[in-house]
Structures are given as C-alpha cells and as structure tokens.
Amino acid sequence: MKTLLLGASAATITVLTGLAMPGMTQTQTTVETLRSNNIVTLSGEVVRLMGDDFLLDDGTGQIEVDAETSAMREAAISVNTTVTVTGYYDDDEFEALTLTPNGGETIPVLDD
C-alpha cells in the first residue's frame, strides 16, 4: 500500500478491504466522508494535542485521533507534525492502530 503526501494540508485515505494485495483496487476517502469501521489510512497535519489523543487536519476536515500516549511519544508526535495513521472510525473519533510520522518508521499503537 502506498500513501502519497501532497503537502501538509493534503491527504490520502485508502480503505483496506482485507489484506493489501498487489494489484488490489483500493477506494479512497477523506475525513469529510469517513463513516464506517473499515480499516483506513489517513494522512494529515497534527493541529492540537489532547492527552493521548490529537486533532488531525487532512485539508477536508479535522478528526480526533485516539493514539495512546506511549505511541505518540515514540513517534514524536507534536503540533505541525505530518503523520500517517492507520486505524478505524468509531464514535466520532479515529482509533489509531499505527502511527507513521513523515519520514519516520511505523509505530504500533497499543492500549496503555
């Protein structure tokens, strides 16, 4: 799976339907149209930190991401960080499964 960042305010969200397989068609969506519990990848800029959550702006809208303090610390998440988050939408927030800061390694998000 590839995610292309076109700038701090641009974003790509790729909906995964099972395992990402070479040649598999993937549907793209945005924060604005995010609706279900499908596993998706969302990229954007961190605009606010809130304990073990942060507010992510992908240029189409903002969403609260539940990411756990230890994973945020390990990924060096701060305001203005561009980050890719894999997870799912649940009850008006995005539950993170992994965090990948721009140019960094992917950090798994485990419940604290």
PDB file of N, CA and C in Angstrom:
ATOM      1  N   MET A   1       0.840  -1.171   0.000  1.00  0.00           N
ATOM      2  CA  MET A   1       0.000   0.000   0.000  1.00  0.00           C
ATOM      3  C   MET A   1       0.881   1.228   0.000  1.00  0.00           C
ATOM      4  N   LYS A   2       0.549   2.219  -0.825  1.00  0.00           N
ATOM      5  CA  LYS A   2       1.302   3.458  -0.883  1.00  0.00           C
ATOM      6  C   LYS A   2       0.395   4.607  -0.501  1.00  0.00           C
ATOM      7  N   THR A   3       0.925   5.531   0.283  1.00  0.00           N
ATOM      8  CA  THR A   3       0.200   6.740   0.621  1.00  0.00           C
ATOM      9  C   THR A   3       1.044   7.903   0.155  1.00  0.00           C
ATOM     10  N   LEU A   4       0.491   8.791  -0.618  1.00  0.00           N
ATOM     11  CA  LEU A   4       1.204   9.921  -1.182  1.00  0.00           C
ATOM     12  C   LEU A   4       0.800  11.178  -0.450  1.00  0.00           C
ATOM     13  N   LEU A   5       1.781  11.873   0.137  1.00  0.00           N
ATOM     14  CA  LEU A   5       1.515  13.145   0.787  1.00  0.00           C
ATOM     15  C   LEU A   5       1.799  14.242  -0.216  1.00  0.00           C
ATOM     16  N   LEU A   6       0.846  15.102  -0.454  1.00  0.00           N
ATOM     17  CA  LEU A   6       0.997  16.177  -1.419  1.00  0.00           C
ATOM     18  C   LEU A   6       1.227  17.508  -0.733  1.00  0.00           C
ATOM     19  N   GLY A   7       1.502  17.510   0.528  1.00  0.00           N
ATOM     20  CA  GLY A   7       1.702  18.722   1.304  1.00  0.00           C
ATOM     21  C   GLY A   7       1.069  18.552   2.662  1.00  0.00           C
ATOM     22  N   ALA A   8       1.351  19.485   3.562  1.00  0.00           N
ATOM     23  CA  ALA A   8       0.877  19.358   4.935  1.00  0.00           C
ATOM     24  C   ALA A   8      -0.638  19.335   5.031  1.00  0.00           C
ATOM     25  N   SER A   9      -1.325  20.001   4.105  1.00  0.00           N
ATOM     26  CA  SER A   9      -2.775  20.030   4.227  1.00  0.00           C
ATOM     27  C   SER A   9      -3.472  19.042   3.304  1.00  0.00           C
ATOM     28  N   ALA A  10      -2.736  18.388   2.434  1.00  0.00           N
ATOM     29  CA  ALA A  10      -3.348  17.403   1.537  1.00  0.00           C
ATOM     30  C   ALA A  10      -3.330  16.041   2.205  1.00  0.00           C
ATOM     31  N   ALA A  11      -4.219  15.172   1.779  1.00  0.00           N
ATOM     32  CA  ALA A  11      -4.276  13.866   2.421  1.00  0.00           C
ATOM     33  C   ALA A  11      -4.794  12.813   1.478  1.00  0.00           C
ATOM     34  N   THR A  12      -4.416  11.595   1.799  1.00  0.00           N
ATOM     35  CA  THR A  12      -4.942  10.441   1.100  1.00  0.00           C
ATOM     36  C   THR A  12      -5.397   9.452   2.150  1.00  0.00           C
ATOM     37  N   ILE A  13      -6.592   8.930   1.997  1.00  0.00           N
ATOM     38  CA  ILE A  13      -7.089   7.875   2.862  1.00  0.00           C
ATOM     39  C   ILE A  13      -7.398   6.697   1.964  1.00  0.00           C
ATOM     40  N   THR A  14      -6.815   5.564   2.276  1.00  0.00           N
ATOM     41  CA  THR A  14      -7.036   4.373   1.488  1.00  0.00           C
ATOM     42  C   THR A  14      -7.826   3.373   2.309  1.00  0.00           C
ATOM     43  N   VAL A  15      -8.974   2.952   1.814  1.00  0.00           N
ATOM     44  CA  VAL A  15      -9.788   1.965   2.502  1.00  0.00           C
ATOM     45  C   VAL A  15      -9.234   0.592   2.179  1.00  0.00           C
ATOM     46  N   LEU A  16      -8.989  -0.198   3.216  1.00  0.00           N
ATOM     47  CA  LEU A  16      -8.473  -1.546   3.033  1.00  0.00           C
ATOM     48  C   LEU A  16      -9.626  -2.524   3.189  1.00  0.00           C
ATOM     49  N   THR A  17      -9.756  -3.425   2.272  1.00  0.00           N
ATOM     50  CA  THR A  17     -10.759  -4.478   2.390  1.00  0.00           C
ATOM     51  C   THR A  17     -10.013  -5.793   2.521  1.00  0.00           C
ATOM     52  N   GLY A  18      -9.573  -6.096   3.726  1.00  0.00           N
ATOM     53  CA  GLY A  18      -8.735  -7.256   3.958  1.00  0.00           C
ATOM     54  C   GLY A  18      -7.284  -6.847   3.865  1.00  0.00           C
ATOM     55  N   LEU A  19      -6.429  -7.783   3.509  1.00  0.00           N
ATOM     56  CA  LEU A  19      -5.009  -7.502   3.370  1.00  0.00           C
ATOM     57  C   LEU A  19      -4.738  -6.774   2.069  1.00  0.00           C
ATOM     58  N   ALA A  20      -3.813  -5.818   2.105  1.00  0.00           N
ATOM     59  CA  ALA A  20      -3.438  -5.098   0.881  1.00  0.00           C
ATOM     60  C   ALA A  20      -2.653  -6.054  -0.004  1.00  0.00           C
ATOM     61  N   MET A  21      -3.167  -6.335  -1.171  1.00  0.00           N
ATOM     62  CA  MET A  21      -2.534  -7.250  -2.109  1.00  0.00           C
ATOM     63  C   MET A  21      -2.104  -6.464  -3.333  1.00  0.00           C
ATOM     64  N   PRO A  22      -0.954  -6.807  -3.927  1.00  0.00           N
ATOM     65  CA  PRO A  22      -0.539  -6.115  -5.143  1.00  0.00           C
ATOM     66  C   PRO A  22      -1.637  -6.180  -6.194  1.00  0.00           C
ATOM     67  N   GLY A  23      -1.911  -5.059  -6.838  1.00  0.00           N
ATOM     68  CA  GLY A  23      -2.921  -5.004  -7.872  1.00  0.00           C
ATOM     69  C   GLY A  23      -4.342  -4.868  -7.360  1.00  0.00           C
ATOM     70  N   MET A  24      -4.521  -4.874  -6.048  1.00  0.00           N
ATOM     71  CA  MET A  24      -5.852  -4.769  -5.460  1.00  0.00           C
ATOM     72  C   MET A  24      -6.369  -3.338  -5.591  1.00  0.00           C
ATOM     73  N   THR A  25      -7.588  -3.166  -6.028  1.00  0.00           N
ATOM     74  CA  THR A  25      -8.188  -1.843  -6.134  1.00  0.00           C
ATOM     75  C   THR A  25      -8.576  -1.364  -4.746  1.00  0.00           C
ATOM     76  N   GLN A  26      -8.187  -0.126  -4.415  1.00  0.00           N
ATOM     77  CA  GLN A  26      -8.495   0.435  -3.112  1.00  0.00           C
ATOM     78  C   GLN A  26      -9.303   1.710  -3.293  1.00  0.00           C
ATOM     79  N   THR A  27     -10.321   1.873  -2.478  1.00  0.00           N
ATOM     80  CA  THR A  27     -11.165   3.052  -2.525  1.00  0.00           C
ATOM     81  C   THR A  27     -10.566   4.127  -1.642  1.00  0.00           C
ATOM     82  N   GLN A  28     -10.563   5.370  -2.122  1.00  0.00           N
ATOM     83  CA  GLN A  28     -10.047   6.468  -1.323  1.00  0.00           C
ATOM     84  C   GLN A  28     -11.196   7.302  -0.801  1.00  0.00           C
ATOM     85  N   THR A  29     -10.994   7.866   0.404  1.00  0.00           N
ATOM     86  CA  THR A  29     -11.997   8.722   1.021  1.00  0.00           C
ATOM     87  C   THR A  29     -11.292   9.829   1.785  1.00  0.00           C
ATOM     88  N   THR A  30     -12.045  10.683   2.451  1.00  0.00           N
ATOM     89  CA  THR A  30     -11.487  11.795   3.220  1.00  0.00           C
ATOM     90  C   THR A  30     -12.137  11.834   4.593  1.00  0.00           C
ATOM     91  N   VAL A  31     -11.596  12.665   5.497  1.00  0.00           N
ATOM     92  CA  VAL A  31     -12.207  12.847   6.811  1.00  0.00           C
ATOM     93  C   VAL A  31     -13.663  13.259   6.643  1.00  0.00           C
ATOM     94  N   GLU A  32     -13.909  14.117   5.672  1.00  0.00           N
ATOM     95  CA  GLU A  32     -15.247  14.632   5.419  1.00  0.00           C
ATOM     96  C   GLU A  32     -16.263  13.515   5.129  1.00  0.00           C
ATOM     97  N   THR A  33     -15.822  12.430   4.484  1.00  0.00           N
ATOM     98  CA  THR A  33     -16.744  11.360   4.102  1.00  0.00           C
ATOM     99  C   THR A  33     -16.523  10.062   4.878  1.00  0.00           C
ATOM    100  N   LEU A  34     -15.642  10.071   5.866  1.00  0.00           N
ATOM    101  CA  LEU A  34     -15.348   8.893   6.673  1.00  0.00           C
ATOM    102  C   LEU A  34     -16.581   8.501   7.473  1.00  0.00           C
ATOM    103  N   ARG A  35     -17.013   7.231   7.364  1.00  0.00           N
ATOM    104  CA  ARG A  35     -18.266   6.848   8.002  1.00  0.00           C
ATOM    105  C   ARG A  35     -18.244   5.514   8.748  1.00  0.00           C
ATOM    106  N   SER A  36     -17.463   4.558   8.360  1.00  0.00           N
ATOM    107  CA  SER A  36     -17.645   3.207   8.890  1.00  0.00           C
ATOM    108  C   SER A  36     -16.445   2.726   9.683  1.00  0.00           C
ATOM    109  N   ASN A  37     -16.514   1.480  10.112  1.00  0.00           N
ATOM    110  CA  ASN A  37     -15.432   0.862  10.867  1.00  0.00           C
ATOM    111  C   ASN A  37     -14.402   0.179   9.985  1.00  0.00           C
ATOM    112  N   ASN A  38     -14.377   0.485   8.681  1.00  0.00           N
ATOM    113  CA  ASN A  38     -13.346  -0.080   7.815  1.00  0.00           C
ATOM    114  C   ASN A  38     -11.977   0.400   8.270  1.00  0.00           C
ATOM    115  N   ILE A  39     -10.971  -0.437   8.097  1.00  0.00           N
ATOM    116  CA  ILE A  39      -9.591  -0.037   8.371  1.00  0.00           C
ATOM    117  C   ILE A  39      -9.162   0.877   7.230  1.00  0.00           C
ATOM    118  N   VAL A  40      -8.655   2.060   7.587  1.00  0.00           N
ATOM    119  CA  VAL A  40      -8.228   3.035   6.588  1.00  0.00           C
ATOM    120  C   VAL A  40      -6.913   3.668   7.002  1.00  0.00           C
ATOM    121  N   THR A  41      -6.263   4.306   6.044  1.00  0.00           N
ATOM    122  CA  THR A  41      -5.048   5.068   6.297  1.00  0.00           C
ATOM    123  C   THR A  41      -5.342   6.524   5.995  1.00  0.00           C
ATOM    124  N   LEU A  42      -5.035   7.376   6.955  1.00  0.00           N
ATOM    125  CA  LEU A  42      -5.331   8.800   6.888  1.00  0.00           C
ATOM    126  C   LEU A  42      -4.039   9.582   7.093  1.00  0.00           C
ATOM    127  N   SER A  43      -3.772  10.577   6.260  1.00  0.00           N
ATOM    128  CA  SER A  43      -2.570  11.403   6.399  1.00  0.00           C
ATOM    129  C   SER A  43      -2.962  12.861   6.521  1.00  0.00           C
ATOM    130  N   GLY A  44      -2.261  13.576   7.376  1.00  0.00           N
ATOM    131  CA  GLY A  44      -2.527  14.994   7.545  1.00  0.00           C
ATOM    132  C   GLY A  44      -1.588  15.601   8.564  1.00  0.00           C
ATOM    133  N   GLU A  45      -1.956  16.792   9.034  1.00  0.00           N
ATOM    134  CA  GLU A  45      -1.123  17.552   9.973  1.00  0.00           C
ATOM    135  C   GLU A  45      -1.770  17.576  11.354  1.00  0.00           C
ATOM    136  N   VAL A  46      -0.951  17.366  12.379  1.00  0.00           N
ATOM    137  CA  VAL A  46      -1.419  17.463  13.758  1.00  0.00           C
ATOM    138  C   VAL A  46      -1.608  18.941  14.086  1.00  0.00           C
ATOM    139  N   VAL A  47      -2.822  19.312  14.513  1.00  0.00           N
ATOM    140  CA  VAL A  47      -3.094  20.716  14.830  1.00  0.00           C
ATOM    141  C   VAL A  47      -3.289  20.960  16.324  1.00  0.00           C
ATOM    142  N   ARG A  48      -3.498  19.896  17.116  1.00  0.00           N
ATOM    143  CA  ARG A  48      -3.632  20.065  18.564  1.00  0.00           C
ATOM    144  C   ARG A  48      -3.384  18.732  19.258  1.00  0.00           C
ATOM    145  N   LEU A  49      -2.726  18.768  20.415  1.00  0.00           N
ATOM    146  CA  LEU A  49      -2.521  17.593  21.256  1.00  0.00           C
ATOM    147  C   LEU A  49      -3.509  17.652  22.413  1.00  0.00           C
ATOM    148  N   MET A  50      -4.073  16.478  22.773  1.00  0.00           N
ATOM    149  CA  MET A  50      -5.078  16.408  23.839  1.00  0.00           C
ATOM    150  C   MET A  50      -4.869  15.124  24.634  1.00  0.00           C
ATOM    151  N   GLY A  51      -3.885  15.086  25.519  1.00  0.00           N
ATOM    152  CA  GLY A  51      -3.601  13.881  26.298  1.00  0.00           C
ATOM    153  C   GLY A  51      -3.117  12.768  25.396  1.00  0.00           C
ATOM    154  N   ASP A  52      -3.866  11.643  25.362  1.00  0.00           N
ATOM    155  CA  ASP A  52      -3.466  10.536  24.484  1.00  0.00           C
ATOM    156  C   ASP A  52      -4.188  10.593  23.137  1.00  0.00           C
ATOM    157  N   ASP A  53      -4.755  11.752  22.818  1.00  0.00           N
ATOM    158  CA  ASP A  53      -5.405  11.997  21.529  1.00  0.00           C
ATOM    159  C   ASP A  53      -4.733  13.179  20.844  1.00  0.00           C
ATOM    160  N   PHE A  54      -4.978  13.310  19.555  1.00  0.00           N
ATOM    161  CA  PHE A  54      -4.576  14.522  18.849  1.00  0.00           C
ATOM    162  C   PHE A  54      -5.596  14.824  17.765  1.00  0.00           C
ATOM    163  N   LEU A  55      -5.630  16.085  17.347  1.00  0.00           N
ATOM    164  CA  LEU A  55      -6.538  16.531  16.298  1.00  0.00           C
ATOM    165  C   LEU A  55      -5.766  16.562  14.991  1.00  0.00           C
ATOM    166  N   LEU A  56      -6.251  15.826  13.994  1.00  0.00           N
ATOM    167  CA  LEU A  56      -5.600  15.708  12.694  1.00  0.00           C
ATOM    168  C   LEU A  56      -6.413  16.452  11.643  1.00  0.00           C
ATOM    169  N   ASP A  57      -5.738  17.259  10.831  1.00  0.00           N
ATOM    170  CA  ASP A  57      -6.374  18.012   9.742  1.00  0.00           C
ATOM    171  C   ASP A  57      -5.825  17.479   8.429  1.00  0.00           C
ATOM    172  N   ASP A  58      -6.723  16.957   7.567  1.00  0.00           N
ATOM    173  CA  ASP A  58      -6.277  16.417   6.280  1.00  0.00           C
ATOM    174  C   ASP A  58      -6.613  17.332   5.114  1.00  0.00           C
ATOM    175  N   GLY A  59      -7.029  18.565   5.409  1.00  0.00           N
ATOM    176  CA  GLY A  59      -7.379  19.501   4.354  1.00  0.00           C
ATOM    177  C   GLY A  59      -8.844  19.448   3.971  1.00  0.00           C
ATOM    178  N   THR A  60      -9.561  18.365   4.349  1.00  0.00           N
ATOM    179  CA  THR A  60     -11.001  18.267   4.081  1.00  0.00           C
ATOM    180  C   THR A  60     -11.800  18.388   5.361  1.00  0.00           C
ATOM    181  N   GLY A  61     -11.123  18.276   6.483  1.00  0.00           N
ATOM    182  CA  GLY A  61     -11.777  18.327   7.784  1.00  0.00           C
ATOM    183  C   GLY A  61     -10.797  17.933   8.865  1.00  0.00           C
ATOM    184  N   GLN A  62     -11.277  17.918  10.088  1.00  0.00           N
ATOM    185  CA  GLN A  62     -10.455  17.542  11.228  1.00  0.00           C
ATOM    186  C   GLN A  62     -11.128  16.400  11.965  1.00  0.00           C
ATOM    187  N   ILE A  63     -10.290  15.541  12.580  1.00  0.00           N
ATOM    188  CA  ILE A  63     -10.821  14.425  13.351  1.00  0.00           C
ATOM    189  C   ILE A  63      -9.919  14.184  14.546  1.00  0.00           C
ATOM    190  N   GLU A  64     -10.546  13.811  15.670  1.00  0.00           N
ATOM    191  CA  GLU A  64      -9.791  13.446  16.859  1.00  0.00           C
ATOM    192  C   GLU A  64      -9.277  12.021  16.679  1.00  0.00           C
ATOM    193  N   VAL A  65      -7.979  11.837  16.898  1.00  0.00           N
ATOM    194  CA  VAL A  65      -7.342  10.532  16.756  1.00  0.00           C
ATOM    195  C   VAL A  65      -6.954  10.032  18.140  1.00  0.00           C
ATOM    196  N   ASP A  66      -7.454   8.858  18.527  1.00  0.00           N
ATOM    197  CA  ASP A  66      -7.081   8.214  19.784  1.00  0.00           C
ATOM    198  C   ASP A  66      -5.849   7.371  19.501  1.00  0.00           C
ATOM    199  N   ALA A  67      -4.694   7.798  20.057  1.00  0.00           N
ATOM    200  CA  ALA A  67      -3.438   7.160  19.671  1.00  0.00           C
ATOM    201  C   ALA A  67      -2.604   6.636  20.827  1.00  0.00           C
ATOM    202  N   GLU A  68      -2.978   6.881  22.067  1.00  0.00           N
ATOM    203  CA  GLU A  68      -2.237   6.442  23.244  1.00  0.00           C
ATOM    204  C   GLU A  68      -0.919   7.216  23.400  1.00  0.00           C
ATOM    205  N   THR A  69      -0.659   7.643  24.608  1.00  0.00           N
ATOM    206  CA  THR A  69       0.482   8.500  24.931  1.00  0.00           C
ATOM    207  C   THR A  69       1.818   7.872  24.558  1.00  0.00           C
ATOM    208  N   SER A  70       2.026   6.589  24.860  1.00  0.00           N
ATOM    209  CA  SER A  70       3.326   5.958  24.595  1.00  0.00           C
ATOM    210  C   SER A  70       3.638   5.916  23.101  1.00  0.00           C
ATOM    211  N   ALA A  71       2.652   5.610  22.268  1.00  0.00           N
ATOM    212  CA  ALA A  71       2.875   5.587  20.814  1.00  0.00           C
ATOM    213  C   ALA A  71       3.125   6.988  20.284  1.00  0.00           C
ATOM    214  N   MET A  72       2.394   7.981  20.802  1.00  0.00           N
ATOM    215  CA  MET A  72       2.606   9.366  20.366  1.00  0.00           C
ATOM    216  C   MET A  72       4.012   9.832  20.727  1.00  0.00           C
ATOM    217  N   ARG A  73       4.468   9.470  21.916  1.00  0.00           N
ATOM    218  CA  ARG A  73       5.819   9.841  22.353  1.00  0.00           C
ATOM    219  C   ARG A  73       6.867   9.160  21.460  1.00  0.00           C
ATOM    220  N   GLU A  74       6.697   7.861  21.211  1.00  0.00           N
ATOM    221  CA  GLU A  74       7.658   7.120  20.387  1.00  0.00           C
ATOM    222  C   GLU A  74       7.704   7.650  18.953  1.00  0.00           C
ATOM    223  N   ALA A  75       6.566   8.071  18.422  1.00  0.00           N
ATOM    224  CA  ALA A  75       6.505   8.608  17.059  1.00  0.00           C
ATOM    225  C   ALA A  75       6.854  10.100  17.010  1.00  0.00           C
ATOM    226  N   ALA A  76       7.137  10.700  18.172  1.00  0.00           N
ATOM    227  CA  ALA A  76       7.484  12.127  18.283  1.00  0.00           C
ATOM    228  C   ALA A  76       6.394  13.019  17.677  1.00  0.00           C
ATOM    229  N   ILE A  77       5.143  12.712  18.015  1.00  0.00           N
ATOM    230  CA  ILE A  77       4.005  13.490  17.514  1.00  0.00           C
ATOM    231  C   ILE A  77       3.935  14.817  18.258  1.00  0.00           C
ATOM    232  N   SER A  78       3.880  15.903  17.511  1.00  0.00           N
ATOM    233  CA  SER A  78       3.720  17.240  18.079  1.00  0.00           C
ATOM    234  C   SER A  78       2.899  18.071  17.101  1.00  0.00           C
ATOM    235  N   VAL A  79       2.488  19.256  17.540  1.00  0.00           N
ATOM    236  CA  VAL A  79       1.737  20.153  16.663  1.00  0.00           C
ATOM    237  C   VAL A  79       2.588  20.450  15.432  1.00  0.00           C
ATOM    238  N   ASN A  80       1.960  20.462  14.273  1.00  0.00           N
ATOM    239  CA  ASN A  80       2.570  20.687  12.952  1.00  0.00           C
ATOM    240  C   ASN A  80       3.280  19.464  12.381  1.00  0.00           C
ATOM    241  N   THR A  81       3.264  18.325  13.092  1.00  0.00           N
ATOM    242  CA  THR A  81       3.824  17.090  12.555  1.00  0.00           C
ATOM    243  C   THR A  81       2.894  16.559  11.467  1.00  0.00           C
ATOM    244  N   THR A  82       3.463  16.151  10.336  1.00  0.00           N
ATOM    245  CA  THR A  82       2.694  15.445   9.313  1.00  0.00           C
ATOM    246  C   THR A  82       2.797  13.963   9.642  1.00  0.00           C
ATOM    247  N   VAL A  83       1.655  13.288   9.708  1.00  0.00           N
ATOM    248  CA  VAL A  83       1.626  11.902  10.151  1.00  0.00           C
ATOM    249  C   VAL A  83       0.623  11.109   9.319  1.00  0.00           C
ATOM    250  N   THR A  84       0.925   9.822   9.145  1.00  0.00           N
ATOM    251  CA  THR A  84       0.002   8.876   8.530  1.00  0.00           C
ATOM    252  C   THR A  84      -0.482   7.952   9.638  1.00  0.00           C
ATOM    253  N   VAL A  85      -1.796   7.792   9.737  1.00  0.00           N
ATOM    254  CA  VAL A  85      -2.407   6.982  10.786  1.00  0.00           C
ATOM    255  C   VAL A  85      -3.248   5.896  10.134  1.00  0.00           C
ATOM    256  N   THR A  86      -3.029   4.648  10.533  1.00  0.00           N
ATOM    257  CA  THR A  86      -3.885   3.550  10.097  1.00  0.00           C
ATOM    258  C   THR A  86      -4.777   3.188  11.271  1.00  0.00           C
ATOM    259  N   GLY A  87      -6.065   3.025  11.010  1.00  0.00           N
ATOM    260  CA  GLY A  87      -7.000   2.694  12.073  1.00  0.00           C
ATOM    261  C   GLY A  87      -8.413   2.624  11.548  1.00  0.00           C
ATOM    262  N   TYR A  88      -9.373   2.944  12.415  1.00  0.00           N
ATOM    263  CA  TYR A  88     -10.776   2.868  12.019  1.00  0.00           C
ATOM    264  C   TYR A  88     -11.582   3.954  12.725  1.00  0.00           C
ATOM    265  N   TYR A  89     -12.663   4.364  12.084  1.00  0.00           N
ATOM    266  CA  TYR A  89     -13.564   5.388  12.603  1.00  0.00           C
ATOM    267  C   TYR A  89     -14.560   4.740  13.550  1.00  0.00           C
ATOM    268  N   ASP A  90     -14.693   5.316  14.760  1.00  0.00           N
ATOM    269  CA  ASP A  90     -15.598   4.754  15.752  1.00  0.00           C
ATOM    270  C   ASP A  90     -16.081   5.857  16.688  1.00  0.00           C
ATOM    271  N   ASP A  91     -17.384   6.068  16.754  1.00  0.00           N
ATOM    272  CA  ASP A  91     -17.982   7.037  17.685  1.00  0.00           C
ATOM    273  C   ASP A  91     -17.347   8.423  17.614  1.00  0.00           C
ATOM    274  N   ASP A  92     -17.311   9.005  16.443  1.00  0.00           N
ATOM    275  CA  ASP A  92     -16.834  10.372  16.215  1.00  0.00           C
ATOM    276  C   ASP A  92     -15.346  10.592  16.460  1.00  0.00           C
ATOM    277  N   GLU A  93     -14.560   9.530  16.561  1.00  0.00           N
ATOM    278  CA  GLU A  93     -13.110   9.680  16.614  1.00  0.00           C
ATOM    279  C   GLU A  93     -12.467   8.546  15.833  1.00  0.00           C
ATOM    280  N   PHE A  94     -11.190   8.705  15.559  1.00  0.00           N
ATOM    281  CA  PHE A  94     -10.444   7.741  14.769  1.00  0.00           C
ATOM    282  C   PHE A  94      -9.546   6.950  15.710  1.00  0.00           C
ATOM    283  N   GLU A  95      -9.759   5.653  15.803  1.00  0.00           N
ATOM    284  CA  GLU A  95      -8.966   4.774  16.662  1.00  0.00           C
ATOM    285  C   GLU A  95      -7.713   4.339  15.907  1.00  0.00           C
ATOM    286  N   ALA A  96      -6.555   4.811  16.340  1.00  0.00           N
ATOM    287  CA  ALA A  96      -5.301   4.513  15.646  1.00  0.00           C
ATOM    288  C   ALA A  96      -4.813   3.103  15.958  1.00  0.00           C
ATOM    289  N   LEU A  97      -4.317   2.431  14.924  1.00  0.00           N
ATOM    290  CA  LEU A  97      -3.645   1.139  15.070  1.00  0.00           C
ATOM    291  C   LEU A  97      -2.144   1.294  14.865  1.00  0.00           C
ATOM    292  N   THR A  98      -1.747   2.218  13.971  1.00  0.00           N
ATOM    293  CA  THR A  98      -0.331   2.550  13.764  1.00  0.00           C
ATOM    294  C   THR A  98      -0.197   4.043  13.498  1.00  0.00           C
ATOM    295  N   LEU A  99       0.980   4.587  13.821  1.00  0.00           N
ATOM    296  CA  LEU A  99       1.348   5.971  13.530  1.00  0.00           C
ATOM    297  C   LEU A  99       2.642   5.960  12.743  1.00  0.00           C
ATOM    298  N   THR A 100       2.709   6.748  11.674  1.00  0.00           N
ATOM    299  CA  THR A 100       3.941   6.882  10.903  1.00  0.00           C
ATOM    300  C   THR A 100       4.191   8.366  10.662  1.00  0.00           C
ATOM    301  N   PRO A 101       5.118   8.969  11.438  1.00  0.00           N
ATOM    302  CA  PRO A 101       5.427  10.377  11.183  1.00  0.00           C
ATOM    303  C   PRO A 101       6.122  10.507   9.835  1.00  0.00           C
ATOM    304  N   ASN A 102       5.967  11.657   9.176  1.00  0.00           N
ATOM    305  CA  ASN A 102       6.577  11.889   7.866  1.00  0.00           C
ATOM    306  C   ASN A 102       8.073  11.583   7.926  1.00  0.00           C
ATOM    307  N   GLY A 103       8.517  10.628   7.123  1.00  0.00           N
ATOM    308  CA  GLY A 103       9.925  10.256   7.075  1.00  0.00           C
ATOM    309  C   GLY A 103      10.367   9.332   8.190  1.00  0.00           C
ATOM    310  N   GLY A 104       9.438   8.889   9.036  1.00  0.00           N
ATOM    311  CA  GLY A 104       9.797   8.039  10.169  1.00  0.00           C
ATOM    312  C   GLY A 104       9.326   6.614   9.997  1.00  0.00           C
ATOM    313  N   GLU A 105       9.540   5.833  11.039  1.00  0.00           N
ATOM    314  CA  GLU A 105       9.115   4.440  10.996  1.00  0.00           C
ATOM    315  C   GLU A 105       7.711   4.289  11.574  1.00  0.00           C
ATOM    316  N   THR A 106       7.050   3.207  11.203  1.00  0.00           N
ATOM    317  CA  THR A 106       5.692   2.933  11.661  1.00  0.00           C
ATOM    318  C   THR A 106       5.725   2.406  13.090  1.00  0.00           C
ATOM    319  N   ILE A 107       4.919   3.039  13.954  1.00  0.00           N
ATOM    320  CA  ILE A 107       4.845   2.684  15.368  1.00  0.00           C
ATOM    321  C   ILE A 107       3.477   2.062  15.639  1.00  0.00           C
ATOM    322  N   PRO A 108       3.438   0.839  16.207  1.00  0.00           N
ATOM    323  CA  PRO A 108       2.140   0.249  16.553  1.00  0.00           C
ATOM    324  C   PRO A 108       1.535   0.977  17.752  1.00  0.00           C
ATOM    325  N   VAL A 109       0.218   1.106  17.771  1.00  0.00           N
ATOM    326  CA  VAL A 109      -0.489   1.741  18.885  1.00  0.00           C
ATOM    327  C   VAL A 109      -1.107   0.639  19.729  1.00  0.00           C
ATOM    328  N   LEU A 110      -0.631   0.525  20.960  1.00  0.00           N
ATOM    329  CA  LEU A 110      -1.142  -0.470  21.899  1.00  0.00           C
ATOM    330  C   LEU A 110      -1.837   0.267  23.027  1.00  0.00           C
ATOM    331  N   ASP A 111      -2.972  -0.249  23.500  1.00  0.00           N
ATOM    332  CA  ASP A 111      -3.675   0.401  24.608  1.00  0.00           C
ATOM    333  C   ASP A 111      -2.764   0.501  25.816  1.00  0.00           C
ATOM    334  N   ASP A 112      -2.691   1.729  26.393  1.00  0.00           N
ATOM    335  CA  ASP A 112      -1.880   1.947  27.610  1.00  0.00           C
ATOM    336  C   ASP A 112      -2.559   1.333  28.810  1.00  0.00           C
TER     337      ASP A 112
END
